[in-house]
Amino acid sequence: MTRARFEQLVAEAIRTIPPRFRDELTNIAVIVEDEPPDELLDDMGIEPPDTLFGLYQGTPLTERSWDYGNTLPDRIVLYQGPIEDSSETEDDVVVAVGETLIHEVGHYFGLSEEELEDIEERYWRAQEHPPEDGA
């Protein structure tokens, strides 16, 4: 997949974030890079075959003090290579981009890994067992 197409999928995923959350995303850059740097994977204790799809870099909203400001933008980095490598189809890439973006946006809002994993687990459980009509 070309970088332009991948970035288009990222832009489409950003537009699907509900407005009440998207409107709160300020001073943040969403960028695409090829691969996570080896040093970063080492620092995070991530060893092959595991890898990283995305990363939030910045100060979460919940950790900002009253005098926070005049700073470079926070960053959400999506790593195209690992996302593509884990995907068989473009639809798989769309899902991986969306899930990764939402996960990293969650960190921006101050959610921990544990909280995000719980939210994701409840989401996927609900997808597997949707409520019956009329429920």
C-alpha atoms as a PDB file:
ATOM      1  CA  MET A   1       0.000   0.000   0.000  1.00  0.00           C
ATOM      2  CA  THR A   2       1.335   3.447  -0.806  1.00  0.00           C
ATOM      3  CA  ARG A   3       2.017   5.969   1.928  1.00  0.00           C
ATOM      4  CA  ALA A   4      -0.588   8.292   0.381  1.00  0.00           C
ATOM      5  CA  ARG A   5      -3.291   5.595   0.588  1.00  0.00           C
ATOM      6  CA  PHE A   6      -2.314   4.692   4.148  1.00  0.00           C
ATOM      7  CA  GLU A   7      -2.452   8.362   5.189  1.00  0.00           C
ATOM      8  CA  GLN A   8      -5.858   8.637   3.525  1.00  0.00           C
ATOM      9  CA  LEU A   9      -7.097   5.736   5.679  1.00  0.00           C
ATOM     10  CA  VAL A  10      -5.690   7.466   8.770  1.00  0.00           C
ATOM     11  CA  ALA A  11      -7.479  10.713   7.843  1.00  0.00           C
ATOM     12  CA  GLU A  12     -10.722   8.784   7.351  1.00  0.00           C
ATOM     13  CA  ALA A  13     -10.274   7.124  10.763  1.00  0.00           C
ATOM     14  CA  ILE A  14      -9.768  10.519  12.405  1.00  0.00           C
ATOM     15  CA  ARG A  15     -13.045  11.723  10.898  1.00  0.00           C
ATOM     16  CA  THR A  16     -14.865   8.778  12.492  1.00  0.00           C
ATOM     17  CA  ILE A  17     -13.900   9.846  16.021  1.00  0.00           C
ATOM     18  CA  PRO A  18     -17.092  11.180  17.625  1.00  0.00           C
ATOM     19  CA  PRO A  19     -17.129  15.006  17.497  1.00  0.00           C
ATOM     20  CA  ARG A  20     -17.301  15.391  21.288  1.00  0.00           C
ATOM     21  CA  PHE A  21     -13.868  13.720  21.487  1.00  0.00           C
ATOM     22  CA  ARG A  22     -12.408  14.949  18.183  1.00  0.00           C
ATOM     23  CA  ASP A  23     -13.168  18.562  19.164  1.00  0.00           C
ATOM     24  CA  GLU A  24     -11.041  18.122  22.308  1.00  0.00           C
ATOM     25  CA  LEU A  25      -7.988  16.987  20.353  1.00  0.00           C
ATOM     26  CA  THR A  26      -5.911  20.151  20.393  1.00  0.00           C
ATOM     27  CA  ASN A  27      -2.223  20.724  19.736  1.00  0.00           C
ATOM     28  CA  ILE A  28      -1.732  17.142  18.582  1.00  0.00           C
ATOM     29  CA  ALA A  29      -0.172  15.808  15.389  1.00  0.00           C
ATOM     30  CA  VAL A  30      -1.090  12.432  13.927  1.00  0.00           C
ATOM     31  CA  ILE A  31       1.761  11.178  11.792  1.00  0.00           C
ATOM     32  CA  VAL A  32       2.717   8.016   9.940  1.00  0.00           C
ATOM     33  CA  GLU A  33       6.153   6.428  10.080  1.00  0.00           C
ATOM     34  CA  ASP A  34       7.422   3.254   8.432  1.00  0.00           C
ATOM     35  CA  GLU A  35       8.556   1.241  11.459  1.00  0.00           C
ATOM     36  CA  PRO A  36       9.028   1.802  15.185  1.00  0.00           C
ATOM     37  CA  PRO A  37      12.699   2.488  15.930  1.00  0.00           C
ATOM     38  CA  ASP A  38      14.608  -0.462  17.419  1.00  0.00           C
ATOM     39  CA  GLU A  39      15.678   1.722  20.363  1.00  0.00           C
ATOM     40  CA  LEU A  40      12.025   2.457  21.163  1.00  0.00           C
ATOM     41  CA  LEU A  41      11.103  -1.222  21.054  1.00  0.00           C
ATOM     42  CA  ASP A  42      14.077  -1.985  23.325  1.00  0.00           C
ATOM     43  CA  ASP A  43      13.084   0.789  25.761  1.00  0.00           C
ATOM     44  CA  MET A  44       9.538  -0.568  25.895  1.00  0.00           C
ATOM     45  CA  GLY A  45      10.692  -4.169  26.299  1.00  0.00           C
ATOM     46  CA  ILE A  46       9.027  -5.273  23.071  1.00  0.00           C
ATOM     47  CA  GLU A  47      10.807  -8.225  21.507  1.00  0.00           C
ATOM     48  CA  PRO A  48      10.139  -9.931  18.169  1.00  0.00           C
ATOM     49  CA  PRO A  49       7.786 -11.221  16.999  1.00  0.00           C
ATOM     50  CA  ASP A  50       5.858  -8.545  18.913  1.00  0.00           C
ATOM     51  CA  THR A  51       5.936  -5.000  17.614  1.00  0.00           C
ATOM     52  CA  LEU A  52       4.208  -1.655  17.941  1.00  0.00           C
ATOM     53  CA  PHE A  53       1.358  -0.328  15.788  1.00  0.00           C
ATOM     54  CA  GLY A  54       1.201   3.135  17.307  1.00  0.00           C
ATOM     55  CA  LEU A  55       2.452   5.390  20.058  1.00  0.00           C
ATOM     56  CA  TYR A  56       1.185   8.440  21.919  1.00  0.00           C
ATOM     57  CA  GLN A  57       3.948  10.894  22.840  1.00  0.00           C
ATOM     58  CA  GLY A  58       3.022  13.816  25.032  1.00  0.00           C
ATOM     59  CA  THR A  59       1.383  14.841  28.267  1.00  0.00           C
ATOM     60  CA  PRO A  60      -2.079  13.339  28.770  1.00  0.00           C
ATOM     61  CA  LEU A  61      -4.859  15.817  29.505  1.00  0.00           C
ATOM     62  CA  THR A  62      -5.260  14.377  33.010  1.00  0.00           C
ATOM     63  CA  GLU A  63      -1.625  15.186  33.862  1.00  0.00           C
ATOM     64  CA  ARG A  64      -1.563  18.785  32.666  1.00  0.00           C
ATOM     65  CA  SER A  65      -1.315  21.512  35.254  1.00  0.00           C
ATOM     66  CA  TRP A  66      -2.891  24.945  35.099  1.00  0.00           C
ATOM     67  CA  ASP A  67       0.282  26.439  33.565  1.00  0.00           C
ATOM     68  CA  TYR A  68       0.559  23.887  30.751  1.00  0.00           C
ATOM     69  CA  GLY A  69       1.036  25.574  27.392  1.00  0.00           C
ATOM     70  CA  ASN A  70       3.509  26.944  24.895  1.00  0.00           C
ATOM     71  CA  THR A  71       4.590  23.406  24.059  1.00  0.00           C
ATOM     72  CA  LEU A  72       5.233  21.482  20.908  1.00  0.00           C
ATOM     73  CA  PRO A  73       2.264  19.383  19.804  1.00  0.00           C
ATOM     74  CA  ASP A  74       1.710  15.974  21.309  1.00  0.00           C
ATOM     75  CA  ARG A  75       2.122  13.219  18.722  1.00  0.00           C
ATOM     76  CA  ILE A  76       0.302  10.092  17.778  1.00  0.00           C
ATOM     77  CA  VAL A  77       2.503   7.980  15.543  1.00  0.00           C
ATOM     78  CA  LEU A  78       1.041   5.146  13.491  1.00  0.00           C
ATOM     79  CA  TYR A  79       3.547   2.631  12.136  1.00  0.00           C
ATOM     80  CA  GLN A  80       2.561   1.586   8.636  1.00  0.00           C
ATOM     81  CA  GLY A  81       4.853  -1.447   8.315  1.00  0.00           C
ATOM     82  CA  PRO A  82       3.623  -3.411  11.340  1.00  0.00           C
ATOM     83  CA  ILE A  83      -0.007  -2.553  10.606  1.00  0.00           C
ATOM     84  CA  GLU A  84       0.315  -3.749   7.025  1.00  0.00           C
ATOM     85  CA  ASP A  85       2.298  -6.844   8.035  1.00  0.00           C
ATOM     86  CA  SER A  86      -0.508  -7.912  10.375  1.00  0.00           C
ATOM     87  CA  SER A  87      -3.198  -7.337   7.753  1.00  0.00           C
ATOM     88  CA  GLU A  88      -4.260  -9.567   4.898  1.00  0.00           C
ATOM     89  CA  THR A  89      -6.579  -7.094   3.182  1.00  0.00           C
ATOM     90  CA  GLU A  90      -7.150  -3.362   3.001  1.00  0.00           C
ATOM     91  CA  ASP A  91     -10.198  -3.862   5.229  1.00  0.00           C
ATOM     92  CA  ASP A  92      -7.868  -5.386   7.838  1.00  0.00           C
ATOM     93  CA  VAL A  93      -5.650  -2.289   7.554  1.00  0.00           C
ATOM     94  CA  VAL A  94      -8.702  -0.052   8.093  1.00  0.00           C
ATOM     95  CA  VAL A  95      -9.614  -1.957  11.264  1.00  0.00           C
ATOM     96  CA  ALA A  96      -6.025  -1.927  12.590  1.00  0.00           C
ATOM     97  CA  VAL A  97      -5.634   1.807  11.882  1.00  0.00           C
ATOM     98  CA  GLY A  98      -8.940   2.585  13.594  1.00  0.00           C
ATOM     99  CA  GLU A  99      -8.211   0.462  16.652  1.00  0.00           C
ATOM    100  CA  THR A 100      -4.683   1.839  16.994  1.00  0.00           C
ATOM    101  CA  LEU A 101      -5.805   5.433  16.585  1.00  0.00           C
ATOM    102  CA  ILE A 102      -8.557   5.081  19.188  1.00  0.00           C
ATOM    103  CA  HIS A 103      -6.112   3.390  21.577  1.00  0.00           C
ATOM    104  CA  GLU A 104      -3.588   6.224  21.273  1.00  0.00           C
ATOM    105  CA  VAL A 105      -6.301   8.899  21.539  1.00  0.00           C
ATOM    106  CA  GLY A 106      -7.311   7.152  24.755  1.00  0.00           C
ATOM    107  CA  HIS A 107      -3.811   7.756  26.105  1.00  0.00           C
ATOM    108  CA  TYR A 108      -4.133  11.445  25.151  1.00  0.00           C
ATOM    109  CA  PHE A 109      -7.257  11.572  27.333  1.00  0.00           C
ATOM    110  CA  GLY A 110      -5.329   9.951  30.178  1.00  0.00           C
ATOM    111  CA  LEU A 111      -6.542   6.358  30.017  1.00  0.00           C
ATOM    112  CA  SER A 112      -4.085   3.681  31.155  1.00  0.00           C
ATOM    113  CA  GLU A 113      -3.212   0.528  29.220  1.00  0.00           C
ATOM    114  CA  GLU A 114      -5.384  -1.461  31.626  1.00  0.00           C
ATOM    115  CA  GLU A 115      -8.378   0.848  31.152  1.00  0.00           C
ATOM    116  CA  LEU A 116      -7.999   0.752  27.377  1.00  0.00           C
ATOM    117  CA  GLU A 117      -7.689  -3.040  27.350  1.00  0.00           C
ATOM    118  CA  ASP A 118     -10.864  -3.297  29.433  1.00  0.00           C
ATOM    119  CA  ILE A 119     -12.745  -0.967  27.065  1.00  0.00           C
ATOM    120  CA  GLU A 120     -11.495  -2.881  24.027  1.00  0.00           C
ATOM    121  CA  GLU A 121     -12.422  -6.229  25.574  1.00  0.00           C
ATOM    122  CA  ARG A 122     -15.956  -5.024  26.375  1.00  0.00           C
ATOM    123  CA  TYR A 123     -16.285  -3.632  22.839  1.00  0.00           C
ATOM    124  CA  TRP A 124     -15.278  -6.897  21.184  1.00  0.00           C
ATOM    125  CA  ARG A 125     -17.469  -8.945  23.544  1.00  0.00           C
ATOM    126  CA  ALA A 126     -20.417  -6.757  22.541  1.00  0.00           C
ATOM    127  CA  GLN A 127     -19.565  -7.278  18.856  1.00  0.00           C
ATOM    128  CA  GLU A 128     -19.573 -11.046  19.347  1.00  0.00           C
ATOM    129  CA  HIS A 129     -22.908 -11.000  21.219  1.00  0.00           C
ATOM    130  CA  PRO A 130     -24.947  -8.043  19.962  1.00  0.00           C
ATOM    131  CA  PRO A 131     -28.248  -7.377  21.733  1.00  0.00           C
ATOM    132  CA  GLU A 132     -31.251  -8.952  20.099  1.00  0.00           C
ATOM    133  CA  ASP A 133     -33.730  -6.709  18.266  1.00  0.00           C
ATOM    134  CA  GLY A 134     -36.083  -4.999  20.651  1.00  0.00           C
ATOM    135  CA  ALA A 135     -33.687  -5.346  23.589  1.00  0.00           C
END
